[in-house]
């Protein structure tokens, strides 16, 4: 398909692209590329598709001896044909709220972030979300400052899983994480300072615990319980959501009783063997995750 608007293009350092050679009828590395009269070293490239799309093929490359380990992004193959870029992917989520056109005005965003921070100078959660919006270009974090749709509420610097593809924490000998994990636990007042006006004022308001820039929110379940209780004391509006690994079903039940509206449980496989290979749980069982799904239902 033509590369969707809002996609990002990457070079893949230390890697040579591999392509199909019609004469040899095989895949071969393309070490050189001709630009006019010059022949230059070829570098592999990739695309990152916008939200709503799923990649169907990976970039084909040959690693060089000094190829660095790449950060964790969903790299897709990309090609050039008929004067434009193409990528292998499928459009699977038509939700318009994640259309990149709503997140492109960085100048306006910076002004809004400045306004929010000047009004809430001591709220560390707003400071964290401003970094997520401006440095990591997190769409959900940007929503906070536009006062619309889904608002993220990261709360936990700790996690009880060791997921292979964790985007906020990786071993130093592995690869760079996509973003830094939150390094503090916000107070109930800080959570309310972000969440309450969003629930009361935002269009189609959702506030969500459990984000890419944190660990497992159920490790801070008391904070979540108290925050949810106070939010629901003050407003019935909007949706309070939790993204979780489902490791503590009893804690999840407490949050549901407090007023939690929706839950998404991370599950890479319905088979215990494969679940454990990826999530590498610390101190909880696959059966606990299944129990959490039952609790949520």
C-alpha atoms as a PDB file:
ATOM      1  CA  UNK A   1       0.000   0.000   0.000  1.00  0.00           C
ATOM      2  CA  UNK A   2       1.181   3.619  -0.437  1.00  0.00           C
ATOM      3  CA  UNK A   3       2.987   4.737   2.711  1.00  0.00           C
ATOM      4  CA  UNK A   4       0.246   6.252   4.930  1.00  0.00           C
ATOM      5  CA  UNK A   5       0.448   9.880   5.956  1.00  0.00           C
ATOM      6  CA  UNK A   6       1.973  10.177   9.412  1.00  0.00           C
ATOM      7  CA  UNK A   7       4.451   7.333   8.898  1.00  0.00           C
ATOM      8  CA  UNK A   8       8.082   7.808   9.899  1.00  0.00           C
ATOM      9  CA  UNK A   9      11.138   6.768   7.914  1.00  0.00           C
ATOM     10  CA  UNK A  10      14.306   5.414   9.525  1.00  0.00           C
ATOM     11  CA  UNK A  11      17.786   4.509   8.397  1.00  0.00           C
ATOM     12  CA  UNK A  12      19.121   1.250   9.828  1.00  0.00           C
ATOM     13  CA  UNK A  13      22.826   1.927  10.500  1.00  0.00           C
ATOM     14  CA  UNK A  14      25.341  -0.809   9.804  1.00  0.00           C
ATOM     15  CA  UNK A  15      22.858  -2.792   7.739  1.00  0.00           C
ATOM     16  CA  UNK A  16      22.813  -3.451   4.001  1.00  0.00           C
ATOM     17  CA  UNK A  17      19.433  -3.700   2.238  1.00  0.00           C
ATOM     18  CA  UNK A  18      18.474  -6.985   0.616  1.00  0.00           C
ATOM     19  CA  UNK A  19      16.415  -7.021  -2.567  1.00  0.00           C
ATOM     20  CA  UNK A  20      15.195  -9.344  -5.289  1.00  0.00           C
ATOM     21  CA  UNK A  21      17.525  -9.817  -8.259  1.00  0.00           C
ATOM     22  CA  UNK A  22      15.505 -10.773 -11.344  1.00  0.00           C
ATOM     23  CA  UNK A  23      18.547 -12.036 -13.242  1.00  0.00           C
ATOM     24  CA  UNK A  24      19.782 -14.264 -10.431  1.00  0.00           C
ATOM     25  CA  UNK A  25      16.230 -15.131  -9.324  1.00  0.00           C
ATOM     26  CA  UNK A  26      17.245 -14.755  -5.708  1.00  0.00           C
ATOM     27  CA  UNK A  27      17.501 -12.258  -2.870  1.00  0.00           C
ATOM     28  CA  UNK A  28      20.859 -10.483  -2.770  1.00  0.00           C
ATOM     29  CA  UNK A  29      22.417  -7.711  -0.651  1.00  0.00           C
ATOM     30  CA  UNK A  30      22.634  -4.307  -2.345  1.00  0.00           C
ATOM     31  CA  UNK A  31      25.927  -2.915  -1.108  1.00  0.00           C
ATOM     32  CA  UNK A  32      26.135  -0.044  -3.583  1.00  0.00           C
ATOM     33  CA  UNK A  33      23.571   2.254  -5.169  1.00  0.00           C
ATOM     34  CA  UNK A  34      24.073   4.512  -8.182  1.00  0.00           C
ATOM     35  CA  UNK A  35      23.068   8.168  -7.845  1.00  0.00           C
ATOM     36  CA  UNK A  36      23.618   9.799 -11.225  1.00  0.00           C
ATOM     37  CA  UNK A  37      27.250   9.161 -12.076  1.00  0.00           C
ATOM     38  CA  UNK A  38      28.223   8.320  -8.508  1.00  0.00           C
ATOM     39  CA  UNK A  39      28.116   4.994  -6.729  1.00  0.00           C
ATOM     40  CA  UNK A  40      27.636   5.220  -2.970  1.00  0.00           C
ATOM     41  CA  UNK A  41      27.357   2.817  -0.042  1.00  0.00           C
ATOM     42  CA  UNK A  42      23.797   1.609   0.483  1.00  0.00           C
ATOM     43  CA  UNK A  43      22.118   1.769   3.898  1.00  0.00           C
ATOM     44  CA  UNK A  44      18.986  -0.158   4.786  1.00  0.00           C
ATOM     45  CA  UNK A  45      15.848   1.827   5.592  1.00  0.00           C
ATOM     46  CA  UNK A  46      12.535   1.102   7.292  1.00  0.00           C
ATOM     47  CA  UNK A  47       9.160   2.681   7.933  1.00  0.00           C
ATOM     48  CA  UNK A  48       7.150   3.047  11.126  1.00  0.00           C
ATOM     49  CA  UNK A  49       3.442   2.960  10.333  1.00  0.00           C
ATOM     50  CA  UNK A  50       1.014   5.275  12.166  1.00  0.00           C
ATOM     51  CA  UNK A  51      -1.558   4.057  14.713  1.00  0.00           C
ATOM     52  CA  UNK A  52      -4.337   1.996  13.167  1.00  0.00           C
ATOM     53  CA  UNK A  53      -2.012   0.051  10.842  1.00  0.00           C
ATOM     54  CA  UNK A  54      -0.307  -3.301  11.295  1.00  0.00           C
ATOM     55  CA  UNK A  55       2.900  -4.173   9.446  1.00  0.00           C
ATOM     56  CA  UNK A  56       2.945  -7.425   7.476  1.00  0.00           C
ATOM     57  CA  UNK A  57       6.643  -7.672   6.500  1.00  0.00           C
ATOM     58  CA  UNK A  58       9.904  -6.707   8.189  1.00  0.00           C
ATOM     59  CA  UNK A  59      12.858  -4.938   6.543  1.00  0.00           C
ATOM     60  CA  UNK A  60      15.234  -7.381   4.836  1.00  0.00           C
ATOM     61  CA  UNK A  61      18.818  -6.535   5.789  1.00  0.00           C
ATOM     62  CA  UNK A  62      22.272  -8.001   6.175  1.00  0.00           C
ATOM     63  CA  UNK A  63      24.107  -6.972   9.328  1.00  0.00           C
ATOM     64  CA  UNK A  64      27.578  -5.520   9.137  1.00  0.00           C
ATOM     65  CA  UNK A  65      30.238  -6.254  11.792  1.00  0.00           C
ATOM     66  CA  UNK A  66      29.606  -2.949  13.604  1.00  0.00           C
ATOM     67  CA  UNK A  67      25.828  -2.792  13.294  1.00  0.00           C
ATOM     68  CA  UNK A  68      24.402  -1.200  16.468  1.00  0.00           C
ATOM     69  CA  UNK A  69      21.438  -2.642  18.317  1.00  0.00           C
ATOM     70  CA  UNK A  70      18.391  -0.611  17.319  1.00  0.00           C
ATOM     71  CA  UNK A  71      15.813   0.957  19.656  1.00  0.00           C
ATOM     72  CA  UNK A  72      12.487  -0.834  20.009  1.00  0.00           C
ATOM     73  CA  UNK A  73      10.277   0.383  17.185  1.00  0.00           C
ATOM     74  CA  UNK A  74       7.894  -1.566  14.947  1.00  0.00           C
ATOM     75  CA  UNK A  75      10.118  -1.417  11.863  1.00  0.00           C
ATOM     76  CA  UNK A  76       8.369  -2.211   8.594  1.00  0.00           C
ATOM     77  CA  UNK A  77       9.781  -2.888   5.158  1.00  0.00           C
ATOM     78  CA  UNK A  78       9.505   0.065   2.779  1.00  0.00           C
ATOM     79  CA  UNK A  79      10.013   0.475  -0.958  1.00  0.00           C
ATOM     80  CA  UNK A  80       9.847   3.024  -3.766  1.00  0.00           C
ATOM     81  CA  UNK A  81       7.652   2.703  -6.844  1.00  0.00           C
ATOM     82  CA  UNK A  82       5.861   5.059  -9.241  1.00  0.00           C
ATOM     83  CA  UNK A  83       7.318   8.117  -7.545  1.00  0.00           C
ATOM     84  CA  UNK A  84       6.229   7.317  -3.998  1.00  0.00           C
ATOM     85  CA  UNK A  85       6.983   5.146  -0.981  1.00  0.00           C
ATOM     86  CA  UNK A  86       5.140   1.879  -0.382  1.00  0.00           C
ATOM     87  CA  UNK A  87       4.926  -0.289   2.734  1.00  0.00           C
ATOM     88  CA  UNK A  88       3.455  -3.715   3.500  1.00  0.00           C
ATOM     89  CA  UNK A  89       0.634  -3.251   5.990  1.00  0.00           C
ATOM     90  CA  UNK A  90      -3.064  -3.425   6.747  1.00  0.00           C
ATOM     91  CA  UNK A  91      -5.404  -0.761   8.101  1.00  0.00           C
ATOM     92  CA  UNK A  92      -7.145  -2.451  11.038  1.00  0.00           C
ATOM     93  CA  UNK A  93      -8.449   0.303  13.348  1.00  0.00           C
ATOM     94  CA  UNK A  94     -10.628   3.050  11.849  1.00  0.00           C
ATOM     95  CA  UNK A  95     -10.786   5.079  15.102  1.00  0.00           C
ATOM     96  CA  UNK A  96     -10.204   8.650  13.845  1.00  0.00           C
ATOM     97  CA  UNK A  97      -8.860   9.823  17.206  1.00  0.00           C
ATOM     98  CA  UNK A  98      -5.392   8.486  16.369  1.00  0.00           C
ATOM     99  CA  UNK A  99      -5.160  10.108  12.946  1.00  0.00           C
ATOM    100  CA  UNK A 100      -1.751  11.860  12.811  1.00  0.00           C
ATOM    101  CA  UNK A 101      -3.389  15.011  11.413  1.00  0.00           C
ATOM    102  CA  UNK A 102      -4.633  15.803  14.931  1.00  0.00           C
ATOM    103  CA  UNK A 103      -1.113  15.740  16.394  1.00  0.00           C
ATOM    104  CA  UNK A 104       1.030  17.616  13.871  1.00  0.00           C
ATOM    105  CA  UNK A 105       0.942  21.189  15.215  1.00  0.00           C
ATOM    106  CA  UNK A 106       4.006  21.196  17.474  1.00  0.00           C
ATOM    107  CA  UNK A 107       4.003  24.972  17.836  1.00  0.00           C
ATOM    108  CA  UNK A 108       0.458  24.982  19.239  1.00  0.00           C
ATOM    109  CA  UNK A 109       1.262  22.013  21.465  1.00  0.00           C
ATOM    110  CA  UNK A 110       4.262  23.777  23.001  1.00  0.00           C
ATOM    111  CA  UNK A 111       2.096  26.788  23.856  1.00  0.00           C
ATOM    112  CA  UNK A 112      -0.515  24.580  25.488  1.00  0.00           C
ATOM    113  CA  UNK A 113       2.107  22.651  27.463  1.00  0.00           C
ATOM    114  CA  UNK A 114       3.582  25.930  28.710  1.00  0.00           C
ATOM    115  CA  UNK A 115       0.132  27.095  29.819  1.00  0.00           C
ATOM    116  CA  UNK A 116      -0.607  23.872  31.698  1.00  0.00           C
ATOM    117  CA  UNK A 117       2.772  23.832  33.440  1.00  0.00           C
ATOM    118  CA  UNK A 118       2.520  27.480  34.457  1.00  0.00           C
ATOM    119  CA  UNK A 119      -0.861  26.746  36.043  1.00  0.00           C
ATOM    120  CA  UNK A 120       0.346  23.538  37.713  1.00  0.00           C
ATOM    121  CA  UNK A 121       4.027  24.179  38.518  1.00  0.00           C
ATOM    122  CA  UNK A 122       4.268  21.600  41.319  1.00  0.00           C
ATOM    123  CA  UNK A 123       2.393  18.726  39.677  1.00  0.00           C
ATOM    124  CA  UNK A 124       5.049  16.182  38.699  1.00  0.00           C
ATOM    125  CA  UNK A 125       2.570  14.172  36.655  1.00  0.00           C
ATOM    126  CA  UNK A 126       1.974  17.120  34.338  1.00  0.00           C
ATOM    127  CA  UNK A 127       5.753  17.477  34.031  1.00  0.00           C
ATOM    128  CA  UNK A 128       6.098  13.801  33.090  1.00  0.00           C
ATOM    129  CA  UNK A 129       3.296  14.050  30.529  1.00  0.00           C
ATOM    130  CA  UNK A 130       4.832  17.176  29.013  1.00  0.00           C
ATOM    131  CA  UNK A 131       8.029  15.223  28.389  1.00  0.00           C
ATOM    132  CA  UNK A 132       6.055  12.344  26.876  1.00  0.00           C
ATOM    133  CA  UNK A 133       4.221  14.770  24.592  1.00  0.00           C
ATOM    134  CA  UNK A 134       7.165  16.903  23.459  1.00  0.00           C
ATOM    135  CA  UNK A 135      10.107  14.473  23.552  1.00  0.00           C
ATOM    136  CA  UNK A 136       8.503  11.101  22.833  1.00  0.00           C
ATOM    137  CA  UNK A 137       5.605  12.467  20.753  1.00  0.00           C
ATOM    138  CA  UNK A 138       3.115  10.252  22.572  1.00  0.00           C
ATOM    139  CA  UNK A 139      -0.309  10.907  21.067  1.00  0.00           C
ATOM    140  CA  UNK A 140      -2.128  10.118  24.328  1.00  0.00           C
ATOM    141  CA  UNK A 141       0.092  12.541  26.260  1.00  0.00           C
ATOM    142  CA  UNK A 142      -0.628  15.226  23.685  1.00  0.00           C
ATOM    143  CA  UNK A 143      -4.345  14.704  24.290  1.00  0.00           C
ATOM    144  CA  UNK A 144      -3.869  15.889  27.886  1.00  0.00           C
ATOM    145  CA  UNK A 145      -2.871  19.351  26.720  1.00  0.00           C
ATOM    146  CA  UNK A 146      -5.543  19.502  24.023  1.00  0.00           C
ATOM    147  CA  UNK A 147      -8.094  18.395  26.663  1.00  0.00           C
ATOM    148  CA  UNK A 148      -9.634  15.673  24.529  1.00  0.00           C
ATOM    149  CA  UNK A 149     -10.147  11.903  24.276  1.00  0.00           C
ATOM    150  CA  UNK A 150      -7.761   9.595  26.171  1.00  0.00           C
ATOM    151  CA  UNK A 151      -5.541  10.971  28.947  1.00  0.00           C
ATOM    152  CA  UNK A 152      -2.671   8.766  30.242  1.00  0.00           C
ATOM    153  CA  UNK A 153      -2.023   8.460  33.983  1.00  0.00           C
ATOM    154  CA  UNK A 154       1.374   6.786  34.564  1.00  0.00           C
ATOM    155  CA  UNK A 155       1.876   5.935  38.245  1.00  0.00           C
ATOM    156  CA  UNK A 156       4.319   3.045  38.683  1.00  0.00           C
ATOM    157  CA  UNK A 157       8.129   3.021  38.344  1.00  0.00           C
ATOM    158  CA  UNK A 158       8.214  -0.686  39.252  1.00  0.00           C
ATOM    159  CA  UNK A 159       7.095  -3.805  37.413  1.00  0.00           C
ATOM    160  CA  UNK A 160       6.606  -7.478  38.259  1.00  0.00           C
ATOM    161  CA  UNK A 161       7.253  -8.692  34.714  1.00  0.00           C
ATOM    162  CA  UNK A 162      10.339  -8.634  32.518  1.00  0.00           C
ATOM    163  CA  UNK A 163       8.792  -8.476  29.049  1.00  0.00           C
ATOM    164  CA  UNK A 164      11.222  -9.054  26.204  1.00  0.00           C
ATOM    165  CA  UNK A 165       9.875  -6.070  24.279  1.00  0.00           C
ATOM    166  CA  UNK A 166       9.449  -3.634  27.172  1.00  0.00           C
ATOM    167  CA  UNK A 167       9.535  -0.112  25.739  1.00  0.00           C
ATOM    168  CA  UNK A 168      10.428   1.665  28.995  1.00  0.00           C
ATOM    169  CA  UNK A 169      13.214  -0.480  30.497  1.00  0.00           C
ATOM    170  CA  UNK A 170      15.845  -2.727  28.915  1.00  0.00           C
ATOM    171  CA  UNK A 171      19.111  -4.233  30.222  1.00  0.00           C
ATOM    172  CA  UNK A 172      22.124  -2.063  29.444  1.00  0.00           C
ATOM    173  CA  UNK A 173      23.648  -4.788  27.264  1.00  0.00           C
ATOM    174  CA  UNK A 174      20.464  -5.140  25.196  1.00  0.00           C
ATOM    175  CA  UNK A 175      18.955  -2.236  23.271  1.00  0.00           C
ATOM    176  CA  UNK A 176      17.813   1.314  24.017  1.00  0.00           C
ATOM    177  CA  UNK A 177      14.262   1.513  25.370  1.00  0.00           C
ATOM    178  CA  UNK A 178      11.911   3.718  23.361  1.00  0.00           C
ATOM    179  CA  UNK A 179      11.344   5.981  26.361  1.00  0.00           C
ATOM    180  CA  UNK A 180      12.425   6.422  29.974  1.00  0.00           C
ATOM    181  CA  UNK A 181      10.186   5.004  32.670  1.00  0.00           C
ATOM    182  CA  UNK A 182       8.584   7.346  35.202  1.00  0.00           C
ATOM    183  CA  UNK A 183      10.878   7.564  38.257  1.00  0.00           C
ATOM    184  CA  UNK A 184       8.400   8.624  40.949  1.00  0.00           C
ATOM    185  CA  UNK A 185       5.007   7.640  42.344  1.00  0.00           C
ATOM    186  CA  UNK A 186       2.557  10.540  42.041  1.00  0.00           C
ATOM    187  CA  UNK A 187       0.285  11.498  44.911  1.00  0.00           C
ATOM    188  CA  UNK A 188      -3.485  11.188  44.805  1.00  0.00           C
ATOM    189  CA  UNK A 189      -3.689  14.977  44.494  1.00  0.00           C
ATOM    190  CA  UNK A 190      -1.345  14.927  41.495  1.00  0.00           C
ATOM    191  CA  UNK A 191      -3.456  12.241  39.821  1.00  0.00           C
ATOM    192  CA  UNK A 192      -6.646  14.202  40.508  1.00  0.00           C
ATOM    193  CA  UNK A 193      -5.038  17.401  39.251  1.00  0.00           C
ATOM    194  CA  UNK A 194      -4.602  15.785  35.837  1.00  0.00           C
ATOM    195  CA  UNK A 195      -7.589  13.431  35.690  1.00  0.00           C
ATOM    196  CA  UNK A 196     -10.492  15.369  37.204  1.00  0.00           C
ATOM    197  CA  UNK A 197     -10.567  18.361  34.828  1.00  0.00           C
ATOM    198  CA  UNK A 198     -10.037  15.981  31.922  1.00  0.00           C
ATOM    199  CA  UNK A 199     -13.047  13.863  32.905  1.00  0.00           C
ATOM    200  CA  UNK A 200     -15.174  16.956  33.418  1.00  0.00           C
ATOM    201  CA  UNK A 201     -14.157  18.961  30.362  1.00  0.00           C
ATOM    202  CA  UNK A 202     -12.690  16.736  27.644  1.00  0.00           C
ATOM    203  CA  UNK A 203     -14.576  15.491  24.616  1.00  0.00           C
ATOM    204  CA  UNK A 204     -15.203  11.710  24.901  1.00  0.00           C
ATOM    205  CA  UNK A 205     -13.099  11.700  28.058  1.00  0.00           C
ATOM    206  CA  UNK A 206     -11.084   8.661  29.121  1.00  0.00           C
ATOM    207  CA  UNK A 207      -8.343   8.558  31.752  1.00  0.00           C
ATOM    208  CA  UNK A 208      -6.082   5.497  31.637  1.00  0.00           C
ATOM    209  CA  UNK A 209      -3.747   4.009  34.207  1.00  0.00           C
ATOM    210  CA  UNK A 210      -1.058   1.761  32.729  1.00  0.00           C
ATOM    211  CA  UNK A 211       1.103   3.417  30.080  1.00  0.00           C
ATOM    212  CA  UNK A 212       4.203   2.735  28.016  1.00  0.00           C
ATOM    213  CA  UNK A 213       6.299   5.022  30.214  1.00  0.00           C
ATOM    214  CA  UNK A 214       5.709   3.050  33.412  1.00  0.00           C
ATOM    215  CA  UNK A 215       5.811  -0.391  34.995  1.00  0.00           C
ATOM    216  CA  UNK A 216       2.779  -2.324  36.262  1.00  0.00           C
ATOM    217  CA  UNK A 217       0.082  -0.075  37.762  1.00  0.00           C
ATOM    218  CA  UNK A 218      -1.315  -2.822  40.021  1.00  0.00           C
ATOM    219  CA  UNK A 219       1.901  -2.558  42.060  1.00  0.00           C
ATOM    220  CA  UNK A 220       0.508   0.867  43.090  1.00  0.00           C
ATOM    221  CA  UNK A 221      -3.042  -0.347  43.564  1.00  0.00           C
ATOM    222  CA  UNK A 222      -3.699   1.629  46.766  1.00  0.00           C
ATOM    223  CA  UNK A 223      -2.904   4.858  44.938  1.00  0.00           C
ATOM    224  CA  UNK A 224      -5.183   3.823  42.085  1.00  0.00           C
ATOM    225  CA  UNK A 225      -7.988   2.804  44.455  1.00  0.00           C
ATOM    226  CA  UNK A 226      -7.887   6.091  46.372  1.00  0.00           C
ATOM    227  CA  UNK A 227      -7.650   8.100  43.152  1.00  0.00           C
ATOM    228  CA  UNK A 228     -10.616   6.312  41.574  1.00  0.00           C
ATOM    229  CA  UNK A 229     -12.731   6.707  44.725  1.00  0.00           C
ATOM    230  CA  UNK A 230     -12.042  10.443  44.894  1.00  0.00           C
ATOM    231  CA  UNK A 231     -12.628  10.927  41.179  1.00  0.00           C
ATOM    232  CA  UNK A 232     -15.980   9.193  41.380  1.00  0.00           C
ATOM    233  CA  UNK A 233     -16.898  11.218  44.471  1.00  0.00           C
ATOM    234  CA  UNK A 234     -16.481  14.353  42.391  1.00  0.00           C
ATOM    235  CA  UNK A 235     -17.786  13.368  38.943  1.00  0.00           C
ATOM    236  CA  UNK A 236     -19.650  10.532  37.216  1.00  0.00           C
ATOM    237  CA  UNK A 237     -18.393  11.710  33.838  1.00  0.00           C
ATOM    238  CA  UNK A 238     -16.028   9.958  31.465  1.00  0.00           C
ATOM    239  CA  UNK A 239     -14.399   6.535  31.561  1.00  0.00           C
ATOM    240  CA  UNK A 240     -11.711   5.396  34.006  1.00  0.00           C
ATOM    241  CA  UNK A 241      -9.615   2.700  32.327  1.00  0.00           C
ATOM    242  CA  UNK A 242      -6.775   0.430  33.423  1.00  0.00           C
ATOM    243  CA  UNK A 243      -4.156  -1.215  31.204  1.00  0.00           C
ATOM    244  CA  UNK A 244      -2.538  -4.008  33.220  1.00  0.00           C
ATOM    245  CA  UNK A 245      -0.781  -7.348  33.075  1.00  0.00           C
ATOM    246  CA  UNK A 246      -3.517  -8.719  35.335  1.00  0.00           C
ATOM    247  CA  UNK A 247      -1.090 -10.146  37.879  1.00  0.00           C
ATOM    248  CA  UNK A 248      -3.201  -9.367  40.964  1.00  0.00           C
ATOM    249  CA  UNK A 249      -6.863 -10.345  40.476  1.00  0.00           C
ATOM    250  CA  UNK A 250      -7.872  -9.399  44.042  1.00  0.00           C
ATOM    251  CA  UNK A 251      -6.403  -5.930  43.623  1.00  0.00           C
ATOM    252  CA  UNK A 252      -8.179  -5.574  40.306  1.00  0.00           C
ATOM    253  CA  UNK A 253     -11.464  -6.518  41.983  1.00  0.00           C
ATOM    254  CA  UNK A 254     -10.894  -3.745  44.548  1.00  0.00           C
ATOM    255  CA  UNK A 255     -10.412  -1.217  41.752  1.00  0.00           C
ATOM    256  CA  UNK A 256     -13.584  -2.384  40.041  1.00  0.00           C
ATOM    257  CA  UNK A 257     -15.458  -1.892  43.313  1.00  0.00           C
ATOM    258  CA  UNK A 258     -13.973   1.606  43.614  1.00  0.00           C
ATOM    259  CA  UNK A 259     -15.437   2.643  40.257  1.00  0.00           C
ATOM    260  CA  UNK A 260     -13.091   1.446  37.515  1.00  0.00           C
ATOM    261  CA  UNK A 261     -15.034   1.356  34.230  1.00  0.00           C
ATOM    262  CA  UNK A 262     -12.876  -0.655  31.831  1.00  0.00           C
ATOM    263  CA  UNK A 263      -9.821  -2.923  31.778  1.00  0.00           C
ATOM    264  CA  UNK A 264      -7.382  -4.082  29.121  1.00  0.00           C
ATOM    265  CA  UNK A 265      -5.218  -7.045  30.109  1.00  0.00           C
ATOM    266  CA  UNK A 266      -1.958  -7.524  28.213  1.00  0.00           C
ATOM    267  CA  UNK A 267      -1.815 -11.074  26.881  1.00  0.00           C
ATOM    268  CA  UNK A 268       0.639 -12.070  24.176  1.00  0.00           C
ATOM    269  CA  UNK A 269      -0.627 -15.658  24.102  1.00  0.00           C
ATOM    270  CA  UNK A 270      -3.495 -17.703  25.599  1.00  0.00           C
ATOM    271  CA  UNK A 271      -1.015 -20.533  26.171  1.00  0.00           C
ATOM    272  CA  UNK A 272       0.844 -20.457  29.489  1.00  0.00           C
ATOM    273  CA  UNK A 273       4.108 -21.740  27.973  1.00  0.00           C
ATOM    274  CA  UNK A 274       4.358 -18.968  25.388  1.00  0.00           C
ATOM    275  CA  UNK A 275       2.996 -16.304  27.733  1.00  0.00           C
ATOM    276  CA  UNK A 276       5.816 -16.972  30.192  1.00  0.00           C
ATOM    277  CA  UNK A 277       8.483 -16.934  27.484  1.00  0.00           C
ATOM    278  CA  UNK A 278       7.633 -13.363  26.532  1.00  0.00           C
ATOM    279  CA  UNK A 279       6.324 -11.739  29.731  1.00  0.00           C
ATOM    280  CA  UNK A 280       8.729 -13.551  32.098  1.00  0.00           C
ATOM    281  CA  UNK A 281       6.517 -12.926  35.162  1.00  0.00           C
ATOM    282  CA  UNK A 282       8.077 -12.294  38.570  1.00  0.00           C
ATOM    283  CA  UNK A 283       6.012 -13.635  41.432  1.00  0.00           C
ATOM    284  CA  UNK A 284       2.699 -14.166  39.669  1.00  0.00           C
ATOM    285  CA  UNK A 285       1.181 -16.944  37.605  1.00  0.00           C
ATOM    286  CA  UNK A 286      -0.546 -17.264  34.267  1.00  0.00           C
ATOM    287  CA  UNK A 287      -3.581 -18.501  36.202  1.00  0.00           C
ATOM    288  CA  UNK A 288      -3.720 -15.150  38.033  1.00  0.00           C
ATOM    289  CA  UNK A 289      -3.931 -13.374  34.678  1.00  0.00           C
ATOM    290  CA  UNK A 290      -6.816 -15.608  33.613  1.00  0.00           C
ATOM    291  CA  UNK A 291      -8.536 -14.898  36.938  1.00  0.00           C
ATOM    292  CA  UNK A 292      -8.158 -11.161  36.306  1.00  0.00           C
ATOM    293  CA  UNK A 293      -9.872 -11.557  32.955  1.00  0.00           C
ATOM    294  CA  UNK A 294     -12.747 -13.275  34.741  1.00  0.00           C
ATOM    295  CA  UNK A 295     -12.857 -10.485  37.336  1.00  0.00           C
ATOM    296  CA  UNK A 296     -12.967  -7.841  34.616  1.00  0.00           C
ATOM    297  CA  UNK A 297     -15.804  -9.601  32.844  1.00  0.00           C
END
